[in-house]
C-alpha atoms as a PDB file:
ATOM      1  CA  MET A   1       0.120   0.135  -0.270  1.00  0.00           C
ATOM      2  CA  ASN A   2       1.111   3.482  -1.126  1.00  0.00           C
ATOM      3  CA  SER A   3      -0.732   6.231   0.342  1.00  0.00           C
ATOM      4  CA  SER A   4       0.792   8.885   2.392  1.00  0.00           C
ATOM      5  CA  PRO A   5       1.034   8.396   5.329  1.00  0.00           C
ATOM      6  CA  VAL A   6      -1.579  11.900   6.620  1.00  0.00           C
ATOM      7  CA  LEU A   7      -4.193   9.292   4.456  1.00  0.00           C
ATOM      8  CA  GLN A   8      -3.438   6.052   7.139  1.00  0.00           C
ATOM      9  CA  SER A   9      -3.181   8.275  10.399  1.00  0.00           C
ATOM     10  CA  LEU A  10      -6.688   8.969   9.185  1.00  0.00           C
ATOM     11  CA  LEU A  11      -8.085   6.359   8.021  1.00  0.00           C
ATOM     12  CA  ALA A  12      -6.600   4.573  11.444  1.00  0.00           C
ATOM     13  CA  ILE A  13      -8.867   8.124  13.520  1.00  0.00           C
ATOM     14  CA  ILE A  14     -12.064   6.848  11.458  1.00  0.00           C
ATOM     15  CA  ILE A  15     -11.355   2.589  12.704  1.00  0.00           C
ATOM     16  CA  MET A  16     -10.715   3.502  16.006  1.00  0.00           C
ATOM     17  CA  ALA A  17     -13.672   6.301  16.359  1.00  0.00           C
ATOM     18  CA  ALA A  18     -16.357   3.914  14.722  1.00  0.00           C
ATOM     19  CA  ILE A  19     -15.335   1.011  16.867  1.00  0.00           C
ATOM     20  CA  ALA A  20     -15.238   2.971  20.499  1.00  0.00           C
ATOM     21  CA  TYR A  21     -18.194   4.716  19.514  1.00  0.00           C
ATOM     22  CA  GLY A  22     -19.626   0.610  18.137  1.00  0.00           C
ATOM     23  CA  SER A  23     -18.510  -0.829  21.470  1.00  0.00           C
ATOM     24  CA  ARG A  24     -20.544   2.001  23.798  1.00  0.00           C
ATOM     25  CA  VAL A  25     -23.675   0.949  21.525  1.00  0.00           C
ATOM     26  CA  LEU A  26     -22.874  -2.602  21.634  1.00  0.00           C
ATOM     27  CA  GLY A  27     -23.223  -1.433  26.248  1.00  0.00           C
ATOM     28  CA  LEU A  28     -25.551  -0.074  25.508  1.00  0.00           C
ATOM     29  CA  LEU A  29     -28.621  -1.924  23.747  1.00  0.00           C
ATOM     30  CA  ILE A  30     -26.921  -5.663  25.309  1.00  0.00           C
ATOM     31  CA  MET A  31     -26.734  -3.246  28.795  1.00  0.00           C
ATOM     32  CA  LEU A  32     -30.461  -3.103  27.656  1.00  0.00           C
ATOM     33  CA  ARG A  33     -31.901  -6.208  27.227  1.00  0.00           C
ATOM     34  CA  VAL A  34     -29.632  -7.524  31.398  1.00  0.00           C
ATOM     35  CA  PRO A  35     -31.842  -7.405  34.314  1.00  0.00           C
ATOM     36  CA  LEU A  36     -30.428  -6.142  36.728  1.00  0.00           C
ATOM     37  CA  GLY A  37     -29.944  -7.360  40.140  1.00  0.00           C
ATOM     38  CA  PRO A  38     -27.817  -6.896  42.692  1.00  0.00           C
ATOM     39  CA  GLN A  39     -25.172  -9.141  41.181  1.00  0.00           C
ATOM     40  CA  VAL A  40     -25.279  -7.523  37.845  1.00  0.00           C
ATOM     41  CA  ARG A  41     -25.158  -4.025  40.292  1.00  0.00           C
ATOM     42  CA  ARG A  42     -21.828  -4.169  42.042  1.00  0.00           C
ATOM     43  CA  PHE A  43     -20.439  -6.532  39.667  1.00  0.00           C
ATOM     44  CA  VAL A  44     -21.021  -2.773  37.472  1.00  0.00           C
ATOM     45  CA  ASP A  45     -20.238  -0.384  40.410  1.00  0.00           C
ATOM     46  CA  ALA A  46     -17.599  -2.608  40.936  1.00  0.00           C
ATOM     47  CA  MET A  47     -16.451  -2.086  37.552  1.00  0.00           C
ATOM     48  CA  SER A  48     -15.616   1.189  37.452  1.00  0.00           C
ATOM     49  CA  ASN A  49     -13.455   1.496  40.168  1.00  0.00           C
ATOM     50  CA  SER A  50     -12.046  -2.292  38.409  1.00  0.00           C
ATOM     51  CA  VAL A  51     -10.671   0.430  35.765  1.00  0.00           C
ATOM     52  CA  LEU A  52      -9.024   3.106  37.536  1.00  0.00           C
ATOM     53  CA  ILE A  53      -6.911   1.481  38.845  1.00  0.00           C
ATOM     54  CA  ALA A  54      -6.098  -0.406  35.890  1.00  0.00           C
ATOM     55  CA  VAL A  55      -5.068   2.951  34.438  1.00  0.00           C
ATOM     56  CA  ILE A  56      -3.607   4.494  36.674  1.00  0.00           C
ATOM     57  CA  VAL A  57      -1.505   1.877  38.878  1.00  0.00           C
ATOM     58  CA  PRO A  58       1.111   1.599  36.291  1.00  0.00           C
ATOM     59  CA  ILE A  59       1.565   5.774  36.771  1.00  0.00           C
ATOM     60  CA  ILE A  60       2.748   5.035  39.177  1.00  0.00           C
ATOM     61  CA  VAL A  61       4.353   2.148  39.133  1.00  0.00           C
ATOM     62  CA  HIS A  62       6.354   3.306  36.094  1.00  0.00           C
ATOM     63  CA  GLY A  63       6.051   7.515  37.382  1.00  0.00           C
ATOM     64  CA  ASP A  64       9.127   9.251  39.825  1.00  0.00           C
ATOM     65  CA  GLY A  65       9.027  10.215  43.043  1.00  0.00           C
ATOM     66  CA  GLY A  66       6.730  14.199  42.167  1.00  0.00           C
ATOM     67  CA  VAL A  67       3.831  11.304  40.571  1.00  0.00           C
ATOM     68  CA  ARG A  68       4.263   8.451  44.008  1.00  0.00           C
ATOM     69  CA  LEU A  69       3.888  11.443  46.856  1.00  0.00           C
ATOM     70  CA  ALA A  70       0.777  12.812  44.911  1.00  0.00           C
ATOM     71  CA  ALA A  71      -1.242   9.323  44.571  1.00  0.00           C
ATOM     72  CA  PHE A  72       0.364   8.904  47.989  1.00  0.00           C
ATOM     73  CA  ALA A  73      -0.647  12.662  49.760  1.00  0.00           C
ATOM     74  CA  ALA A  74      -4.298  12.731  47.085  1.00  0.00           C
ATOM     75  CA  GLY A  75      -5.347   8.808  48.082  1.00  0.00           C
ATOM     76  CA  THR A  76      -4.765  10.060  52.309  1.00  0.00           C
ATOM     77  CA  VAL A  77      -6.916  12.542  51.617  1.00  0.00           C
ATOM     78  CA  ALA A  78      -9.534  10.457  49.945  1.00  0.00           C
ATOM     79  CA  ILE A  79      -8.794   8.254  52.772  1.00  0.00           C
ATOM     80  CA  VAL A  80      -9.708  10.877  55.901  1.00  0.00           C
ATOM     81  CA  LEU A  81     -11.530  14.280  54.466  1.00  0.00           C
ATOM     82  CA  ARG A  82     -14.181  11.744  51.864  1.00  0.00           C
ATOM     83  CA  SER A  83     -13.456  14.554  49.002  1.00  0.00           C
ATOM     84  CA  PRO A  84     -12.630  14.120  45.707  1.00  0.00           C
ATOM     85  CA  LEU A  85     -12.191  17.800  45.054  1.00  0.00           C
ATOM     86  CA  ALA A  86      -9.798  17.128  48.290  1.00  0.00           C
ATOM     87  CA  SER A  87      -7.672  14.668  46.934  1.00  0.00           C
ATOM     88  CA  ILE A  88      -7.331  15.653  43.573  1.00  0.00           C
ATOM     89  CA  ALA A  89      -6.221  20.001  44.207  1.00  0.00           C
ATOM     90  CA  ILE A  90      -3.640  18.423  46.808  1.00  0.00           C
ATOM     91  CA  GLY A  91      -2.289  15.443  44.767  1.00  0.00           C
ATOM     92  CA  MET A  92      -1.651  18.047  41.691  1.00  0.00           C
ATOM     93  CA  ALA A  93      -0.284  20.530  44.548  1.00  0.00           C
ATOM     94  CA  CYS A  94       1.939  17.607  45.534  1.00  0.00           C
ATOM     95  CA  ALA A  95       3.800  16.941  42.337  1.00  0.00           C
ATOM     96  CA  ALA A  96       3.667  20.877  41.437  1.00  0.00           C
ATOM     97  CA  CYS A  97       6.312  21.452  44.583  1.00  0.00           C
ATOM     98  CA  TRP A  98       7.352  17.905  43.790  1.00  0.00           C
ATOM     99  CA  ARG A  99       7.999  19.052  40.059  1.00  0.00           C
ATOM    100  CA  TRP A 100       9.232  22.579  40.947  1.00  0.00           C
ATOM    101  CA  TRP A 101      11.624  22.179  43.355  1.00  0.00           C
ATOM    102  CA  PHE A 102      13.825  18.387  42.355  1.00  0.00           C
ATOM    103  CA  VAL A 103      13.249  19.301  38.849  1.00  0.00           C
END
């Protein structure tokens, strides 16, 4: 195939967008047919947490000290204060301070 890289990139973006949109629409259509009993509801509730953990853990493991400090501080504030906004703010502030002083 001897097409330009721009066309190949555009085609890849269109295909990825179609797959992402299709997976969301199919997920909604399938869930319309599934009765939401207590087990299914617990599974769906736990799924969002597991996806979040799967995204964040590699960033923490392979990140530098600022990432680890921000994650620890945000997690501590989230547990103690139970405030998502406060934990996000503290995590961002810790990461910014680390970058300011050590990088």
